[in-house]
PDB file of all heavy atoms in Angstrom:
ATOM      1  N   GLN A   1     105.355  65.860 166.901  1.00  0.00           N
ATOM      2  CA  GLN A   1     104.637  64.960 167.796  1.00  0.00           C
ATOM      3  C   GLN A   1     105.578  64.550 168.902  1.00  0.00           C
ATOM      4  O   GLN A   1     106.807  64.499 168.706  1.00  0.00           O
ATOM      5  CB  GLN A   1     104.130  63.726 167.051  1.00  0.00           C
ATOM      6  CG  GLN A   1     103.065  64.038 166.034  1.00  0.00           C
ATOM      7  CD  GLN A   1     102.572  62.787 165.329  1.00  0.00           C
ATOM      8  OE1 GLN A   1     103.204  61.738 165.346  1.00  0.00           O
ATOM      9  NE2 GLN A   1     101.418  62.895 164.692  1.00  0.00           N
ATOM     10  N   MET A   2     104.999  64.274 170.048  1.00  0.00           N
ATOM     11  CA  MET A   2     105.815  63.848 171.177  1.00  0.00           C
ATOM     12  C   MET A   2     105.029  62.850 172.008  1.00  0.00           C
ATOM     13  O   MET A   2     103.830  62.682 171.828  1.00  0.00           O
ATOM     14  CB  MET A   2     106.212  65.046 172.031  1.00  0.00           C
ATOM     15  CG  MET A   2     105.054  65.767 172.634  1.00  0.00           C
ATOM     16  SD  MET A   2     105.605  67.023 173.768  1.00  0.00           S
ATOM     17  CE  MET A   2     104.142  67.137 174.763  1.00  0.00           C
ATOM     18  N   GLU A   3     105.737  62.190 172.890  1.00  0.00           N
ATOM     19  CA  GLU A   3     105.083  61.298 173.841  1.00  0.00           C
ATOM     20  C   GLU A   3     105.635  61.603 175.228  1.00  0.00           C
ATOM     21  O   GLU A   3     106.781  62.035 175.361  1.00  0.00           O
ATOM     22  CB  GLU A   3     105.281  59.833 173.468  1.00  0.00           C
ATOM     23  CG  GLU A   3     106.718  59.366 173.469  1.00  0.00           C
ATOM     24  CD  GLU A   3     106.879  57.926 173.003  1.00  0.00           C
ATOM     25  OE1 GLU A   3     106.259  57.541 171.994  1.00  0.00           O
ATOM     26  OE2 GLU A   3     107.639  57.187 173.661  1.00  0.00           O
ATOM     27  N   GLN A   4     104.806  61.408 176.218  1.00  0.00           N
ATOM     28  CA  GLN A   4     105.242  61.620 177.591  1.00  0.00           C
ATOM     29  C   GLN A   4     105.955  60.373 178.080  1.00  0.00           C
ATOM     30  O   GLN A   4     105.489  59.254 177.862  1.00  0.00           O
ATOM     31  CB  GLN A   4     104.050  61.917 178.507  1.00  0.00           C
ATOM     32  CG  GLN A   4     103.566  63.338 178.459  1.00  0.00           C
ATOM     33  CD  GLN A   4     104.600  64.337 178.971  1.00  0.00           C
ATOM     34  OE1 GLN A   4     105.493  64.031 179.748  1.00  0.00           O
ATOM     35  NE2 GLN A   4     104.474  65.567 178.498  1.00  0.00           N
ATOM     36  N   THR A   5     107.101  60.553 178.706  1.00  0.00           N
ATOM     37  CA  THR A   5     107.841  59.451 179.307  1.00  0.00           C
ATOM     38  C   THR A   5     108.088  59.796 180.764  1.00  0.00           C
ATOM     39  O   THR A   5     107.823  60.923 181.195  1.00  0.00           O
ATOM     40  CB  THR A   5     109.199  59.227 178.599  1.00  0.00           C
ATOM     41  OG1 THR A   5     110.092  60.296 178.951  1.00  0.00           O
ATOM     42  CG2 THR A   5     109.040  59.141 177.091  1.00  0.00           C
ATOM     43  N   SER A   6     108.614  58.861 181.515  1.00  0.00           N
ATOM     44  CA  SER A   6     108.921  59.138 182.922  1.00  0.00           C
ATOM     45  C   SER A   6     110.051  60.160 183.049  1.00  0.00           C
ATOM     46  O   SER A   6     110.258  60.725 184.111  1.00  0.00           O
ATOM     47  CB  SER A   6     109.270  57.844 183.657  1.00  0.00           C
ATOM     48  OG  SER A   6     110.340  57.198 183.003  1.00  0.00           O
ATOM     49  N   TRP A   7     110.769  60.415 181.960  1.00  0.00           N
ATOM     50  CA  TRP A   7     111.835  61.427 181.957  1.00  0.00           C
ATOM     51  C   TRP A   7     111.344  62.753 181.392  1.00  0.00           C
ATOM     52  O   TRP A   7     112.120  63.672 181.212  1.00  0.00           O
ATOM     53  CB  TRP A   7     113.031  60.937 181.136  1.00  0.00           C
ATOM     54  CG  TRP A   7     113.794  59.847 181.830  1.00  0.00           C
ATOM     55  CD1 TRP A   7     113.647  58.508 181.643  1.00  0.00           C
ATOM     56  CD2 TRP A   7     114.790  60.012 182.823  1.00  0.00           C
ATOM     57  NE1 TRP A   7     114.494  57.835 182.459  1.00  0.00           N
ATOM     58  CE2 TRP A   7     115.223  58.727 183.191  1.00  0.00           C
ATOM     59  CE3 TRP A   7     115.371  61.118 183.437  1.00  0.00           C
ATOM     60  CZ2 TRP A   7     116.203  58.509 184.162  1.00  0.00           C
ATOM     61  CZ3 TRP A   7     116.349  60.904 184.390  1.00  0.00           C
ATOM     62  CH2 TRP A   7     116.755  59.616 184.739  1.00  0.00           C
ATOM     63  N   GLY A   8     110.064  62.850 181.054  1.00  0.00           N
ATOM     64  CA  GLY A   8     109.511  64.079 180.496  1.00  0.00           C
ATOM     65  C   GLY A   8     109.118  63.876 179.046  1.00  0.00           C
ATOM     66  O   GLY A   8     109.175  62.764 178.514  1.00  0.00           O
ATOM     67  N   PRO A   9     108.717  64.961 178.359  1.00  0.00           N
ATOM     68  CA  PRO A   9     108.279  64.831 176.969  1.00  0.00           C
ATOM     69  C   PRO A   9     109.434  64.412 176.053  1.00  0.00           C
ATOM     70  O   PRO A   9     110.554  64.886 176.206  1.00  0.00           O
ATOM     71  CB  PRO A   9     107.776  66.224 176.602  1.00  0.00           C
ATOM     72  CG  PRO A   9     108.171  67.126 177.695  1.00  0.00           C
ATOM     73  CD  PRO A   9     108.607  66.313 178.862  1.00  0.00           C
ATOM     74  N   TYR A  10     109.134  63.513 175.124  1.00  0.00           N
ATOM     75  CA  TYR A  10     110.116  63.026 174.159  1.00  0.00           C
ATOM     76  C   TYR A  10     109.572  63.305 172.757  1.00  0.00           C
ATOM     77  O   TYR A  10     108.487  62.841 172.406  1.00  0.00           O
ATOM     78  CB  TYR A  10     110.350  61.525 174.354  1.00  0.00           C
ATOM     79  CG  TYR A  10     111.301  60.926 173.345  1.00  0.00           C
ATOM     80  CD1 TYR A  10     112.666  61.161 173.432  1.00  0.00           C
ATOM     81  CD2 TYR A  10     110.832  60.140 172.297  1.00  0.00           C
ATOM     82  CE1 TYR A  10     113.545  60.616 172.498  1.00  0.00           C
ATOM     83  CE2 TYR A  10     111.700  59.592 171.362  1.00  0.00           C
ATOM     84  CZ  TYR A  10     113.054  59.841 171.472  1.00  0.00           C
ATOM     85  OH  TYR A  10     113.918  59.314 170.557  1.00  0.00           O
ATOM     86  N   VAL A  11     110.318  64.068 171.962  1.00  0.00           N
ATOM     87  CA  VAL A  11     109.891  64.418 170.608  1.00  0.00           C
ATOM     88  C   VAL A  11     110.134  63.215 169.700  1.00  0.00           C
ATOM     89  O   VAL A  11     111.260  62.763 169.541  1.00  0.00           O
ATOM     90  CB  VAL A  11     110.647  65.666 170.089  1.00  0.00           C
ATOM     91  CG1 VAL A  11     110.282  65.954 168.647  1.00  0.00           C
ATOM     92  CG2 VAL A  11     110.358  66.865 170.974  1.00  0.00           C
ATOM     93  N   THR A  12     109.054  62.714 169.114  1.00  0.00           N
ATOM     94  CA  THR A  12     109.151  61.533 168.258  1.00  0.00           C
ATOM     95  C   THR A  12     109.195  61.882 166.776  1.00  0.00           C
ATOM     96  O   THR A  12     109.743  61.127 165.977  1.00  0.00           O
ATOM     97  CB  THR A  12     107.960  60.592 168.505  1.00  0.00           C
ATOM     98  OG1 THR A  12     106.746  61.307 168.282  1.00  0.00           O
ATOM     99  CG2 THR A  12     107.982  60.048 169.925  1.00  0.00           C
ATOM    100  N   SER A  13     108.601  63.038 166.414  1.00  0.00           N
ATOM    101  CA  SER A  13     108.479  63.385 165.004  1.00  0.00           C
ATOM    102  C   SER A  13     108.461  64.898 164.835  1.00  0.00           C
ATOM    103  O   SER A  13     107.856  65.605 165.639  1.00  0.00           O
ATOM    104  CB  SER A  13     107.175  62.787 164.466  1.00  0.00           C
ATOM    105  OG  SER A  13     106.877  63.284 163.190  1.00  0.00           O
ATOM    106  N   ILE A  14     109.146  65.382 163.807  1.00  0.00           N
ATOM    107  CA  ILE A  14     109.107  66.795 163.420  1.00  0.00           C
ATOM    108  C   ILE A  14     108.935  66.842 161.904  1.00  0.00           C
ATOM    109  O   ILE A  14     109.580  66.082 161.174  1.00  0.00           O
ATOM    110  CB  ILE A  14     110.394  67.555 163.830  1.00  0.00           C
ATOM    111  CG1 ILE A  14     110.588  67.526 165.343  1.00  0.00           C
ATOM    112  CG2 ILE A  14     110.367  68.997 163.321  1.00  0.00           C
ATOM    113  CD1 ILE A  14     111.895  68.176 165.820  1.00  0.00           C
ATOM    114  N   HIS A  15     108.056  67.730 161.431  1.00  0.00           N
ATOM    115  CA  HIS A  15     107.809  67.905 159.996  1.00  0.00           C
ATOM    116  C   HIS A  15     107.431  66.575 159.337  1.00  0.00           C
ATOM    117  O   HIS A  15     107.799  66.277 158.200  1.00  0.00           O
ATOM    118  CB  HIS A  15     109.049  68.516 159.332  1.00  0.00           C
ATOM    119  CG  HIS A  15     108.825  69.003 157.937  1.00  0.00           C
ATOM    120  ND1 HIS A  15     108.041  70.087 157.632  1.00  0.00           N
ATOM    121  CD2 HIS A  15     109.284  68.531 156.744  1.00  0.00           C
ATOM    122  CE1 HIS A  15     108.042  70.275 156.331  1.00  0.00           C
ATOM    123  NE2 HIS A  15     108.779  69.343 155.761  1.00  0.00           N
ATOM    124  N   GLY A  16     106.720  65.733 160.111  1.00  0.00           N
ATOM    125  CA  GLY A  16     106.264  64.450 159.581  1.00  0.00           C
ATOM    126  C   GLY A  16     107.320  63.362 159.531  1.00  0.00           C
ATOM    127  O   GLY A  16     107.045  62.262 159.071  1.00  0.00           O
ATOM    128  N   LEU A  17     108.524  63.645 159.986  1.00  0.00           N
ATOM    129  CA  LEU A  17     109.608  62.658 159.958  1.00  0.00           C
ATOM    130  C   LEU A  17     109.838  62.134 161.369  1.00  0.00           C
ATOM    131  O   LEU A  17     110.236  62.884 162.267  1.00  0.00           O
ATOM    132  CB  LEU A  17     110.889  63.284 159.402  1.00  0.00           C
ATOM    133  CG  LEU A  17     112.110  62.374 159.298  1.00  0.00           C
ATOM    134  CD1 LEU A  17     111.833  61.175 158.385  1.00  0.00           C
ATOM    135  CD2 LEU A  17     113.306  63.176 158.782  1.00  0.00           C
ATOM    136  N   ALA A  18     109.576  60.847 161.555  1.00  0.00           N
ATOM    137  CA  ALA A  18     109.685  60.233 162.874  1.00  0.00           C
ATOM    138  C   ALA A  18     110.976  59.441 163.019  1.00  0.00           C
ATOM    139  O   ALA A  18     111.436  58.803 162.069  1.00  0.00           O
ATOM    140  CB  ALA A  18     108.490  59.317 163.121  1.00  0.00           C
ATOM    141  N   GLY A  19     111.520  59.488 164.213  1.00  0.00           N
ATOM    142  CA  GLY A  19     112.664  58.643 164.537  1.00  0.00           C
ATOM    143  C   GLY A  19     112.215  57.189 164.602  1.00  0.00           C
ATOM    144  O   GLY A  19     111.030  56.893 164.749  1.00  0.00           O
ATOM    145  N   SER A  20     113.170  56.280 164.497  1.00  0.00           N
ATOM    146  CA  SER A  20     112.837  54.860 164.459  1.00  0.00           C
ATOM    147  C   SER A  20     113.930  54.052 165.140  1.00  0.00           C
ATOM    148  O   SER A  20     115.121  54.249 164.863  1.00  0.00           O
ATOM    149  CB  SER A  20     112.693  54.408 163.009  1.00  0.00           C
ATOM    150  OG  SER A  20     112.741  53.017 162.908  1.00  0.00           O
ATOM    151  N   MET A  21     113.521  53.141 166.011  1.00  0.00           N
ATOM    152  CA  MET A  21     114.503  52.253 166.636  1.00  0.00           C
ATOM    153  C   MET A  21     115.108  51.321 165.594  1.00  0.00           C
ATOM    154  O   MET A  21     116.284  50.980 165.671  1.00  0.00           O
ATOM    155  CB  MET A  21     113.865  51.467 167.776  1.00  0.00           C
ATOM    156  CG  MET A  21     113.546  52.362 168.977  1.00  0.00           C
ATOM    157  SD  MET A  21     112.709  51.518 170.323  1.00  0.00           S
ATOM    158  CE  MET A  21     113.910  50.320 170.797  1.00  0.00           C
ATOM    159  N   ASP A  22     114.307  50.924 164.600  1.00  0.00           N
ATOM    160  CA  ASP A  22     114.816  50.033 163.553  1.00  0.00           C
ATOM    161  C   ASP A  22     115.925  50.707 162.744  1.00  0.00           C
ATOM    162  O   ASP A  22     116.934  50.080 162.409  1.00  0.00           O
ATOM    163  CB  ASP A  22     113.687  49.600 162.608  1.00  0.00           C
ATOM    164  CG  ASP A  22     112.662  48.710 163.304  1.00  0.00           C
ATOM    165  OD1 ASP A  22     113.008  48.096 164.333  1.00  0.00           O
ATOM    166  OD2 ASP A  22     111.520  48.661 162.822  1.00  0.00           O
ATOM    167  N   ASP A  23     115.723  51.992 162.420  1.00  0.00           N
ATOM    168  CA  ASP A  23     116.724  52.742 161.654  1.00  0.00           C
ATOM    169  C   ASP A  23     117.758  53.413 162.554  1.00  0.00           C
ATOM    170  O   ASP A  23     118.689  54.046 162.055  1.00  0.00           O
ATOM    171  CB  ASP A  23     116.049  53.838 160.817  1.00  0.00           C
ATOM    172  CG  ASP A  23     115.133  53.274 159.763  1.00  0.00           C
ATOM    173  OD1 ASP A  23     115.324  52.105 159.362  1.00  0.00           O
ATOM    174  OD2 ASP A  23     114.212  54.005 159.346  1.00  0.00           O
ATOM    175  N   ARG A  24     117.551  53.319 163.872  1.00  0.00           N
ATOM    176  CA  ARG A  24     118.420  53.963 164.868  1.00  0.00           C
ATOM    177  C   ARG A  24     118.483  55.480 164.634  1.00  0.00           C
ATOM    178  O   ARG A  24     119.543  56.085 164.664  1.00  0.00           O
ATOM    179  CB  ARG A  24     119.813  53.338 164.849  1.00  0.00           C
ATOM    180  CG  ARG A  24     119.781  51.845 165.158  1.00  0.00           C
ATOM    181  CD  ARG A  24     121.124  51.166 164.979  1.00  0.00           C
ATOM    182  NE  ARG A  24     122.195  51.809 165.679  1.00  0.00           N
ATOM    183  CZ  ARG A  24     122.763  51.355 166.801  1.00  0.00           C
ATOM    184  NH1 ARG A  24     122.335  50.247 167.324  1.00  0.00           N
ATOM    185  NH2 ARG A  24     123.757  52.007 167.366  1.00  0.00           N
ATOM    186  N   THR A  25     117.317  56.088 164.402  1.00  0.00           N
ATOM    187  CA  THR A  25     117.248  57.531 164.156  1.00  0.00           C
ATOM    188  C   THR A  25     116.424  58.215 165.234  1.00  0.00           C
ATOM    189  O   THR A  25     115.539  57.593 165.847  1.00  0.00           O
ATOM    190  CB  THR A  25     116.622  57.829 162.783  1.00  0.00           C
ATOM    191  OG1 THR A  25     115.352  57.178 162.697  1.00  0.00           O
ATOM    192  CG2 THR A  25     117.535  57.370 161.647  1.00  0.00           C
ATOM    193  N   TYR A  26     116.715  59.483 165.459  1.00  0.00           N
ATOM    194  CA  TYR A  26     116.006  60.286 166.453  1.00  0.00           C
ATOM    195  C   TYR A  26     116.257  61.762 166.166  1.00  0.00           C
ATOM    196  O   TYR A  26     117.126  62.111 165.369  1.00  0.00           O
ATOM    197  CB  TYR A  26     116.480  59.945 167.875  1.00  0.00           C
ATOM    198  CG  TYR A  26     117.895  60.402 168.170  1.00  0.00           C
ATOM    199  CD1 TYR A  26     118.121  61.496 168.989  1.00  0.00           C
ATOM    200  CD2 TYR A  26     119.004  59.761 167.609  1.00  0.00           C
ATOM    201  CE1 TYR A  26     119.414  61.933 169.259  1.00  0.00           C
ATOM    202  CE2 TYR A  26     120.284  60.179 167.878  1.00  0.00           C
ATOM    203  CZ  TYR A  26     120.487  61.274 168.701  1.00  0.00           C
ATOM    204  OH  TYR A  26     121.764  61.716 168.961  1.00  0.00           O
ATOM    205  N   TRP A  27     115.499  62.631 166.828  1.00  0.00           N
ATOM    206  CA  TRP A  27     115.702  64.072 166.712  1.00  0.00           C
ATOM    207  C   TRP A  27     116.613  64.526 167.842  1.00  0.00           C
ATOM    208  O   TRP A  27     116.296  64.365 169.015  1.00  0.00           O
ATOM    209  CB  TRP A  27     114.356  64.808 166.762  1.00  0.00           C
ATOM    210  CG  TRP A  27     113.650  64.716 165.446  1.00  0.00           C
ATOM    211  CD1 TRP A  27     112.659  63.851 165.107  1.00  0.00           C
ATOM    212  CD2 TRP A  27     113.915  65.513 164.298  1.00  0.00           C
ATOM    213  NE1 TRP A  27     112.286  64.053 163.802  1.00  0.00           N
ATOM    214  CE2 TRP A  27     113.035  65.081 163.277  1.00  0.00           C
ATOM    215  CE3 TRP A  27     114.802  66.553 164.014  1.00  0.00           C
ATOM    216  CZ2 TRP A  27     113.013  65.650 162.008  1.00  0.00           C
ATOM    217  CZ3 TRP A  27     114.779  67.121 162.753  1.00  0.00           C
ATOM    218  CH2 TRP A  27     113.901  66.668 161.764  1.00  0.00           C
ATOM    219  N   GLN A  28     117.770  65.064 167.456  1.00  0.00           N
ATOM    220  CA  GLN A  28     118.746  65.560 168.429  1.00  0.00           C
ATOM    221  C   GLN A  28     118.648  67.081 168.486  1.00  0.00           C
ATOM    222  O   GLN A  28     118.581  67.743 167.450  1.00  0.00           O
ATOM    223  CB  GLN A  28     120.164  65.141 168.021  1.00  0.00           C
ATOM    224  CG  GLN A  28     121.220  65.596 169.005  1.00  0.00           C
ATOM    225  CD  GLN A  28     122.613  65.149 168.591  1.00  0.00           C
ATOM    226  OE1 GLN A  28     122.933  65.078 167.413  1.00  0.00           O
ATOM    227  NE2 GLN A  28     123.439  64.855 169.580  1.00  0.00           N
ATOM    228  N   PHE A  29     118.679  67.638 169.693  1.00  0.00           N
ATOM    229  CA  PHE A  29     118.578  69.087 169.872  1.00  0.00           C
ATOM    230  C   PHE A  29     119.933  69.642 170.268  1.00  0.00           C
ATOM    231  O   PHE A  29     120.594  69.132 171.174  1.00  0.00           O
ATOM    232  CB  PHE A  29     117.515  69.415 170.920  1.00  0.00           C
ATOM    233  CG  PHE A  29     116.135  69.072 170.442  1.00  0.00           C
ATOM    234  CD1 PHE A  29     115.602  67.813 170.644  1.00  0.00           C
ATOM    235  CD2 PHE A  29     115.382  70.007 169.744  1.00  0.00           C
ATOM    236  CE1 PHE A  29     114.335  67.491 170.174  1.00  0.00           C
ATOM    237  CE2 PHE A  29     114.124  69.698 169.267  1.00  0.00           C
ATOM    238  CZ  PHE A  29     113.604  68.433 169.486  1.00  0.00           C
ATOM    239  N   LEU A  30     120.346  70.707 169.550  1.00  0.00           N
ATOM    240  CA  LEU A  30     121.673  71.295 169.728  1.00  0.00           C
ATOM    241  C   LEU A  30     121.576  72.798 169.956  1.00  0.00           C
ATOM    242  O   LEU A  30     120.654  73.454 169.461  1.00  0.00           O
ATOM    243  CB  LEU A  30     122.530  71.069 168.483  1.00  0.00           C
ATOM    244  CG  LEU A  30     122.640  69.653 167.938  1.00  0.00           C
ATOM    245  CD1 LEU A  30     123.186  69.668 166.525  1.00  0.00           C
ATOM    246  CD2 LEU A  30     123.529  68.835 168.835  1.00  0.00           C
ATOM    247  N   SER A  31     122.554  73.309 170.668  1.00  0.00           N
ATOM    248  CA  SER A  31     122.747  74.750 170.796  1.00  0.00           C
ATOM    249  C   SER A  31     124.236  74.994 170.629  1.00  0.00           C
ATOM    250  O   SER A  31     125.051  74.357 171.307  1.00  0.00           O
ATOM    251  CB  SER A  31     122.290  75.242 172.174  1.00  0.00           C
ATOM    252  OG  SER A  31     122.576  76.619 172.319  1.00  0.00           O
ATOM    253  N   ALA A  32     124.587  75.870 169.719  1.00  0.00           N
ATOM    254  CA  ALA A  32     126.005  76.147 169.421  1.00  0.00           C
ATOM    255  C   ALA A  32     126.758  74.844 169.122  1.00  0.00           C
ATOM    256  O   ALA A  32     127.853  74.619 169.617  1.00  0.00           O
ATOM    257  CB  ALA A  32     126.662  76.901 170.570  1.00  0.00           C
ATOM    258  N   GLU A  33     126.114  73.981 168.321  1.00  0.00           N
ATOM    259  CA  GLU A  33     126.701  72.713 167.863  1.00  0.00           C
ATOM    260  C   GLU A  33     126.864  71.681 168.984  1.00  0.00           C
ATOM    261  O   GLU A  33     127.427  70.613 168.759  1.00  0.00           O
ATOM    262  CB  GLU A  33     128.060  72.946 167.177  1.00  0.00           C
ATOM    263  CG  GLU A  33     128.024  73.984 166.078  1.00  0.00           C
ATOM    264  CD  GLU A  33     127.573  73.431 164.744  1.00  0.00           C
ATOM    265  OE1 GLU A  33     127.783  72.246 164.487  1.00  0.00           O
ATOM    266  OE2 GLU A  33     127.006  74.209 163.969  1.00  0.00           O
ATOM    267  N   ASN A  34     126.403  71.975 170.197  1.00  0.00           N
ATOM    268  CA  ASN A  34     126.510  71.037 171.321  1.00  0.00           C
ATOM    269  C   ASN A  34     125.139  70.477 171.672  1.00  0.00           C
ATOM    270  O   ASN A  34     124.152  71.219 171.715  1.00  0.00           O
ATOM    271  CB  ASN A  34     127.086  71.740 172.560  1.00  0.00           C
ATOM    272  CG  ASN A  34     128.495  72.221 172.323  1.00  0.00           C
ATOM    273  OD1 ASN A  34     129.330  71.498 171.801  1.00  0.00           O
ATOM    274  ND2 ASN A  34     128.757  73.463 172.680  1.00  0.00           N
ATOM    275  N   ALA A  35     125.095  69.175 171.946  1.00  0.00           N
ATOM    276  CA  ALA A  35     123.841  68.543 172.330  1.00  0.00           C
ATOM    277  C   ALA A  35     123.347  69.127 173.653  1.00  0.00           C
ATOM    278  O   ALA A  35     124.151  69.386 174.561  1.00  0.00           O
ATOM    279  CB  ALA A  35     124.037  67.038 172.468  1.00  0.00           C
ATOM    280  N   LEU A  36     122.048  69.347 173.748  1.00  0.00           N
ATOM    281  CA  LEU A  36     121.470  69.861 174.985  1.00  0.00           C
ATOM    282  C   LEU A  36     121.549  68.777 176.055  1.00  0.00           C
ATOM    283  O   LEU A  36     121.369  67.597 175.768  1.00  0.00           O
ATOM    284  CB  LEU A  36     120.017  70.274 174.775  1.00  0.00           C
ATOM    285  CG  LEU A  36     119.762  71.373 173.742  1.00  0.00           C
ATOM    286  CD1 LEU A  36     118.284  71.723 173.706  1.00  0.00           C
ATOM    287  CD2 LEU A  36     120.587  72.613 174.061  1.00  0.00           C
ATOM    288  N   ASP A  37     121.806  69.198 177.280  1.00  0.00           N
ATOM    289  CA  ASP A  37     121.895  68.224 178.364  1.00  0.00           C
ATOM    290  C   ASP A  37     120.609  68.126 179.171  1.00  0.00           C
ATOM    291  O   ASP A  37     120.563  67.472 180.206  1.00  0.00           O
ATOM    292  CB  ASP A  37     123.080  68.527 179.281  1.00  0.00           C
ATOM    293  CG  ASP A  37     123.015  69.909 179.898  1.00  0.00           C
ATOM    294  OD1 ASP A  37     122.043  70.636 179.656  1.00  0.00           O
ATOM    295  OD2 ASP A  37     123.955  70.264 180.640  1.00  0.00           O
ATOM    296  N   GLU A  38     119.553  68.785 178.684  1.00  0.00           N
ATOM    297  CA  GLU A  38     118.240  68.695 179.303  1.00  0.00           C
ATOM    298  C   GLU A  38     117.213  68.459 178.207  1.00  0.00           C
ATOM    299  O   GLU A  38     117.439  68.802 177.049  1.00  0.00           O
ATOM    300  CB  GLU A  38     117.890  69.990 180.043  1.00  0.00           C
ATOM    301  CG  GLU A  38     118.778  70.272 181.234  1.00  0.00           C
ATOM    302  CD  GLU A  38     118.454  71.607 181.883  1.00  0.00           C
ATOM    303  OE1 GLU A  38     118.314  72.608 181.159  1.00  0.00           O
ATOM    304  OE2 GLU A  38     118.337  71.626 183.115  1.00  0.00           O
ATOM    305  N   GLY A  39     116.084  67.900 178.583  1.00  0.00           N
ATOM    306  CA  GLY A  39     115.027  67.628 177.624  1.00  0.00           C
ATOM    307  C   GLY A  39     114.258  68.878 177.232  1.00  0.00           C
ATOM    308  O   GLY A  39     114.393  69.935 177.860  1.00  0.00           O
ATOM    309  N   VAL A  40     113.425  68.754 176.209  1.00  0.00           N
ATOM    310  CA  VAL A  40     112.680  69.900 175.682  1.00  0.00           C
ATOM    311  C   VAL A  40     111.709  70.479 176.697  1.00  0.00           C
ATOM    312  O   VAL A  40     111.367  71.648 176.632  1.00  0.00           O
ATOM    313  CB  VAL A  40     111.937  69.559 174.373  1.00  0.00           C
ATOM    314  CG1 VAL A  40     112.909  69.192 173.273  1.00  0.00           C
ATOM    315  CG2 VAL A  40     110.898  68.472 174.586  1.00  0.00           C
ATOM    316  N   GLY A  41     111.258  69.672 177.645  1.00  0.00           N
ATOM    317  CA  GLY A  41     110.314  70.149 178.650  1.00  0.00           C
ATOM    318  C   GLY A  41     110.962  70.915 179.785  1.00  0.00           C
ATOM    319  O   GLY A  41     110.267  71.535 180.587  1.00  0.00           O
ATOM    320  N   ILE A  42     112.294  70.887 179.858  1.00  0.00           N
ATOM    321  CA  ILE A  42     113.008  71.566 180.949  1.00  0.00           C
ATOM    322  C   ILE A  42     113.963  72.633 180.430  1.00  0.00           C
ATOM    323  O   ILE A  42     114.109  73.688 181.031  1.00  0.00           O
ATOM    324  CB  ILE A  42     113.786  70.541 181.799  1.00  0.00           C
ATOM    325  CG1 ILE A  42     112.793  69.629 182.517  1.00  0.00           C
ATOM    326  CG2 ILE A  42     114.691  71.236 182.800  1.00  0.00           C
ATOM    327  CD1 ILE A  42     113.442  68.563 183.348  1.00  0.00           C
ATOM    328  N   TYR A  43     114.617  72.386 179.296  1.00  0.00           N
ATOM    329  CA  TYR A  43     115.621  73.319 178.789  1.00  0.00           C
ATOM    330  C   TYR A  43     114.991  74.679 178.493  1.00  0.00           C
ATOM    331  O   TYR A  43     113.971  74.768 177.826  1.00  0.00           O
ATOM    332  CB  TYR A  43     116.298  72.775 177.529  1.00  0.00           C
ATOM    333  CG  TYR A  43     117.413  73.663 177.058  1.00  0.00           C
ATOM    334  CD1 TYR A  43     118.651  73.615 177.679  1.00  0.00           C
ATOM    335  CD2 TYR A  43     117.220  74.577 176.027  1.00  0.00           C
ATOM    336  CE1 TYR A  43     119.681  74.447 177.275  1.00  0.00           C
ATOM    337  CE2 TYR A  43     118.245  75.411 175.615  1.00  0.00           C
ATOM    338  CZ  TYR A  43     119.479  75.341 176.248  1.00  0.00           C
ATOM    339  OH  TYR A  43     120.491  76.175 175.853  1.00  0.00           O
ATOM    340  N   LYS A  44     115.628  75.742 179.001  1.00  0.00           N
ATOM    341  CA  LYS A  44     115.132  77.111 178.807  1.00  0.00           C
ATOM    342  C   LYS A  44     116.127  77.906 177.969  1.00  0.00           C
ATOM    343  O   LYS A  44     117.179  78.309 178.459  1.00  0.00           O
ATOM    344  CB  LYS A  44     114.907  77.785 180.155  1.00  0.00           C
ATOM    345  CG  LYS A  44     113.818  77.104 180.948  1.00  0.00           C
ATOM    346  CD  LYS A  44     113.625  77.722 182.297  1.00  0.00           C
ATOM    347  CE  LYS A  44     112.531  76.970 183.026  1.00  0.00           C
ATOM    348  NZ  LYS A  44     112.398  77.385 184.409  1.00  0.00           N
TER     349      LYS A  44
END
């Protein structure tokens, strides 16, 4: 699941597991162990 933000699409949940501000959790996207510097809607 995702939501649209002014910065583009933001992935909120994968496989039924959602990130939470209360738990300070989120889905991080990596390539070769490095965090992507672009969002999922732009990174190719």
